[in-house]
Amino acid sequence: MFFKDKLFSKSFISGIVTFGFSTILANLFQFLLFVNLPENIRTDATIILTFLISVLFNFYIHNKYIFFTTFSFVKLINFYITNLLNLVLPILFWFIYEYFYGTPTIFIFNFVAVVIVLSLFPIKFLIYRYIFKN
């Protein structure tokens, strides 16, 4: 159903590009730049900073190349609010995970990120259509 929609397909490709970008950022923060931070802060800081940068990047792509709309601060705020799902769920998951198991391995860290992104994408796309409607 969704993949027959041209906008969904473009948005999905944008999501893949943004996910790749955010995965690189997250790995740089988690395993290179923030290694001296305490474990209970490092993962949360990684997720928050990656979120802020990646959502801005994804908004730019959606605004300019998918929905072809002009910039609006209200659209940007709504886009961030919609993408809070990608911020809140990982923080909640990692809080629980680290409580029981400690710091995640690179494989677990990236695997969980993929699962969360893929599960939330269709819901967010429906909201994106509303945000960017002319």
C-alpha atoms as a PDB file:
ATOM      1  CA  MET A   1       0.000   0.000   0.000  1.00  0.00           C
ATOM      2  CA  PHE A   2       2.563   2.591   1.104  1.00  0.00           C
ATOM      3  CA  PHE A   3       5.213   1.716  -1.488  1.00  0.00           C
ATOM      4  CA  LYS A   4       2.837   2.531  -4.371  1.00  0.00           C
ATOM      5  CA  ASP A   5       2.792   6.101  -3.073  1.00  0.00           C
ATOM      6  CA  LYS A   6       5.602   8.078  -4.756  1.00  0.00           C
ATOM      7  CA  LEU A   7       5.964  10.442  -1.792  1.00  0.00           C
ATOM      8  CA  PHE A   8       6.262   7.513   0.605  1.00  0.00           C
ATOM      9  CA  SER A   9       8.990   5.981  -1.543  1.00  0.00           C
ATOM     10  CA  LYS A  10      10.909   9.265  -1.646  1.00  0.00           C
ATOM     11  CA  SER A  11      10.443   9.718   2.074  1.00  0.00           C
ATOM     12  CA  PHE A  12      11.595   6.148   2.682  1.00  0.00           C
ATOM     13  CA  ILE A  13      14.772   6.777   0.660  1.00  0.00           C
ATOM     14  CA  SER A  14      15.304   9.991   2.607  1.00  0.00           C
ATOM     15  CA  GLY A  15      14.838   7.983   5.781  1.00  0.00           C
ATOM     16  CA  ILE A  16      17.511   5.506   4.671  1.00  0.00           C
ATOM     17  CA  VAL A  17      19.944   8.335   3.889  1.00  0.00           C
ATOM     18  CA  THR A  18      19.161  10.080   7.176  1.00  0.00           C
ATOM     19  CA  PHE A  19      19.445   6.810   9.076  1.00  0.00           C
ATOM     20  CA  GLY A  20      22.878   6.177   7.562  1.00  0.00           C
ATOM     21  CA  PHE A  21      23.925   9.716   8.453  1.00  0.00           C
ATOM     22  CA  SER A  22      22.592   9.395  12.004  1.00  0.00           C
ATOM     23  CA  THR A  23      24.203   5.966  12.477  1.00  0.00           C
ATOM     24  CA  ILE A  24      27.585   7.384  11.532  1.00  0.00           C
ATOM     25  CA  LEU A  25      27.045  10.323  13.897  1.00  0.00           C
ATOM     26  CA  ALA A  26      25.855   8.081  16.728  1.00  0.00           C
ATOM     27  CA  ASN A  27      28.817   5.740  16.382  1.00  0.00           C
ATOM     28  CA  LEU A  28      31.241   8.666  16.294  1.00  0.00           C
ATOM     29  CA  PHE A  29      29.703  10.127  19.441  1.00  0.00           C
ATOM     30  CA  GLN A  30      29.205   6.828  21.321  1.00  0.00           C
ATOM     31  CA  PHE A  31      32.467   5.074  20.545  1.00  0.00           C
ATOM     32  CA  LEU A  32      34.909   7.903  19.769  1.00  0.00           C
ATOM     33  CA  LEU A  33      34.014  11.378  21.022  1.00  0.00           C
ATOM     34  CA  PHE A  34      32.098  10.568  24.234  1.00  0.00           C
ATOM     35  CA  VAL A  35      34.127   7.585  25.493  1.00  0.00           C
ATOM     36  CA  ASN A  36      35.335   9.544  28.528  1.00  0.00           C
ATOM     37  CA  LEU A  37      31.802  10.334  29.702  1.00  0.00           C
ATOM     38  CA  PRO A  38      30.235   8.095  32.348  1.00  0.00           C
ATOM     39  CA  GLU A  39      28.303   5.178  30.830  1.00  0.00           C
ATOM     40  CA  ASN A  40      24.921   6.347  32.109  1.00  0.00           C
ATOM     41  CA  ILE A  41      25.379   9.727  30.383  1.00  0.00           C
ATOM     42  CA  ARG A  42      27.242   8.729  27.209  1.00  0.00           C
ATOM     43  CA  THR A  43      24.423   6.888  25.435  1.00  0.00           C
ATOM     44  CA  ASP A  44      21.816   9.519  26.304  1.00  0.00           C
ATOM     45  CA  ALA A  45      24.082  12.347  25.124  1.00  0.00           C
ATOM     46  CA  THR A  46      24.775  10.419  21.914  1.00  0.00           C
ATOM     47  CA  ILE A  47      21.082   9.909  21.214  1.00  0.00           C
ATOM     48  CA  ILE A  48      20.081  13.511  21.959  1.00  0.00           C
ATOM     49  CA  LEU A  49      22.813  15.137  19.875  1.00  0.00           C
ATOM     50  CA  THR A  50      22.338  12.687  17.007  1.00  0.00           C
ATOM     51  CA  PHE A  51      18.595  13.349  17.133  1.00  0.00           C
ATOM     52  CA  LEU A  52      18.940  17.127  16.925  1.00  0.00           C
ATOM     53  CA  ILE A  53      21.330  17.041  13.970  1.00  0.00           C
ATOM     54  CA  SER A  54      19.638  14.207  12.049  1.00  0.00           C
ATOM     55  CA  VAL A  55      16.113  15.593  12.294  1.00  0.00           C
ATOM     56  CA  LEU A  56      17.288  18.948  10.985  1.00  0.00           C
ATOM     57  CA  PHE A  57      18.986  17.159   8.067  1.00  0.00           C
ATOM     58  CA  ASN A  58      15.856  15.074   7.381  1.00  0.00           C
ATOM     59  CA  PHE A  59      13.598  18.137   7.580  1.00  0.00           C
ATOM     60  CA  TYR A  60      15.724  19.878   4.962  1.00  0.00           C
ATOM     61  CA  ILE A  61      15.403  16.907   2.601  1.00  0.00           C
ATOM     62  CA  HIS A  62      11.638  16.588   3.115  1.00  0.00           C
ATOM     63  CA  ASN A  63      10.974  20.294   2.857  1.00  0.00           C
ATOM     64  CA  LYS A  64      13.071  20.949  -0.230  1.00  0.00           C
ATOM     65  CA  TYR A  65      13.151  17.698  -2.231  1.00  0.00           C
ATOM     66  CA  ILE A  66      10.117  15.620  -1.304  1.00  0.00           C
ATOM     67  CA  PHE A  67       7.247  17.996  -0.584  1.00  0.00           C
ATOM     68  CA  PHE A  68       8.747  21.039  -2.389  1.00  0.00           C
ATOM     69  CA  THR A  69       7.531  23.540   0.186  1.00  0.00           C
ATOM     70  CA  THR A  70       8.998  26.741   1.492  1.00  0.00           C
ATOM     71  CA  PHE A  71      10.617  26.867   4.881  1.00  0.00           C
ATOM     72  CA  SER A  72       8.342  27.457   7.814  1.00  0.00           C
ATOM     73  CA  PHE A  73       9.413  27.522  11.435  1.00  0.00           C
ATOM     74  CA  VAL A  74       6.062  25.953  12.393  1.00  0.00           C
ATOM     75  CA  LYS A  75       6.742  23.031  10.026  1.00  0.00           C
ATOM     76  CA  LEU A  76      10.192  22.581  11.551  1.00  0.00           C
ATOM     77  CA  ILE A  77       8.773  22.516  15.087  1.00  0.00           C
ATOM     78  CA  ASN A  78       6.046  20.048  14.061  1.00  0.00           C
ATOM     79  CA  PHE A  79       8.667  17.897  12.348  1.00  0.00           C
ATOM     80  CA  TYR A  80      10.755  17.810  15.527  1.00  0.00           C
ATOM     81  CA  ILE A  81       7.687  16.982  17.610  1.00  0.00           C
ATOM     82  CA  THR A  82       6.810  14.112  15.258  1.00  0.00           C
ATOM     83  CA  ASN A  83      10.344  12.787  15.440  1.00  0.00           C
ATOM     84  CA  LEU A  84      10.387  12.842  19.228  1.00  0.00           C
ATOM     85  CA  LEU A  85       9.285   9.214  18.925  1.00  0.00           C
ATOM     86  CA  ASN A  86      12.792   8.501  17.610  1.00  0.00           C
ATOM     87  CA  LEU A  87      14.253  10.211  20.649  1.00  0.00           C
ATOM     88  CA  VAL A  88      12.038   9.014  23.479  1.00  0.00           C
ATOM     89  CA  LEU A  89      11.881   5.327  22.558  1.00  0.00           C
ATOM     90  CA  PRO A  90      15.664   4.809  22.259  1.00  0.00           C
ATOM     91  CA  ILE A  91      16.330   6.637  25.520  1.00  0.00           C
ATOM     92  CA  LEU A  92      13.729   4.548  27.288  1.00  0.00           C
ATOM     93  CA  PHE A  93      15.044   1.345  25.729  1.00  0.00           C
ATOM     94  CA  TRP A  94      18.697   2.099  26.554  1.00  0.00           C
ATOM     95  CA  PHE A  95      17.842   3.130  30.095  1.00  0.00           C
ATOM     96  CA  ILE A  96      16.255  -0.270  30.681  1.00  0.00           C
ATOM     97  CA  TYR A  97      18.922  -2.157  28.737  1.00  0.00           C
ATOM     98  CA  GLU A  98      21.837  -0.523  30.546  1.00  0.00           C
ATOM     99  CA  TYR A  99      20.187  -1.083  33.914  1.00  0.00           C
ATOM    100  CA  PHE A 100      20.181  -4.833  33.299  1.00  0.00           C
ATOM    101  CA  TYR A 101      23.106  -5.413  30.910  1.00  0.00           C
ATOM    102  CA  GLY A 102      25.485  -2.423  30.994  1.00  0.00           C
ATOM    103  CA  THR A 103      26.897  -0.692  27.914  1.00  0.00           C
ATOM    104  CA  PRO A 104      25.654  -2.117  24.604  1.00  0.00           C
ATOM    105  CA  THR A 105      27.991  -3.600  22.018  1.00  0.00           C
ATOM    106  CA  ILE A 106      28.280  -1.918  18.634  1.00  0.00           C
ATOM    107  CA  PHE A 107      26.143  -4.661  17.061  1.00  0.00           C
ATOM    108  CA  ILE A 108      23.330  -4.392  19.626  1.00  0.00           C
ATOM    109  CA  PHE A 109      23.447  -0.590  19.518  1.00  0.00           C
ATOM    110  CA  ASN A 110      22.996  -0.527  15.728  1.00  0.00           C
ATOM    111  CA  PHE A 111      20.545  -3.440  15.530  1.00  0.00           C
ATOM    112  CA  VAL A 112      18.142  -1.828  17.979  1.00  0.00           C
ATOM    113  CA  ALA A 113      18.413   1.478  16.110  1.00  0.00           C
ATOM    114  CA  VAL A 114      17.328  -0.244  12.874  1.00  0.00           C
ATOM    115  CA  VAL A 115      14.367  -1.984  14.531  1.00  0.00           C
ATOM    116  CA  ILE A 116      13.109   1.227  16.119  1.00  0.00           C
ATOM    117  CA  VAL A 117      13.440   3.291  12.933  1.00  0.00           C
ATOM    118  CA  LEU A 118      11.678   0.731  10.735  1.00  0.00           C
ATOM    119  CA  SER A 119       8.795   0.314  13.150  1.00  0.00           C
ATOM    120  CA  LEU A 120       8.119   4.036  13.458  1.00  0.00           C
ATOM    121  CA  PHE A 121       8.549   5.088   9.832  1.00  0.00           C
ATOM    122  CA  PRO A 122       4.998   4.476   8.480  1.00  0.00           C
ATOM    123  CA  ILE A 123       3.407   6.325  11.388  1.00  0.00           C
ATOM    124  CA  LYS A 124       5.705   9.293  10.991  1.00  0.00           C
ATOM    125  CA  PHE A 125       5.159   9.459   7.230  1.00  0.00           C
ATOM    126  CA  LEU A 126       1.414   9.884   7.721  1.00  0.00           C
ATOM    127  CA  ILE A 127       2.126  12.797  10.023  1.00  0.00           C
ATOM    128  CA  TYR A 128       4.686  14.249   7.562  1.00  0.00           C
ATOM    129  CA  ARG A 129       1.989  14.413   4.888  1.00  0.00           C
ATOM    130  CA  TYR A 130      -0.068  16.570   7.190  1.00  0.00           C
ATOM    131  CA  ILE A 131       2.869  18.787   8.184  1.00  0.00           C
ATOM    132  CA  PHE A 132       3.962  19.520   4.609  1.00  0.00           C
ATOM    133  CA  LYS A 133       0.597  19.861   2.937  1.00  0.00           C
ATOM    134  CA  ASN A 134       0.433  23.171   1.115  1.00  0.00           C
END
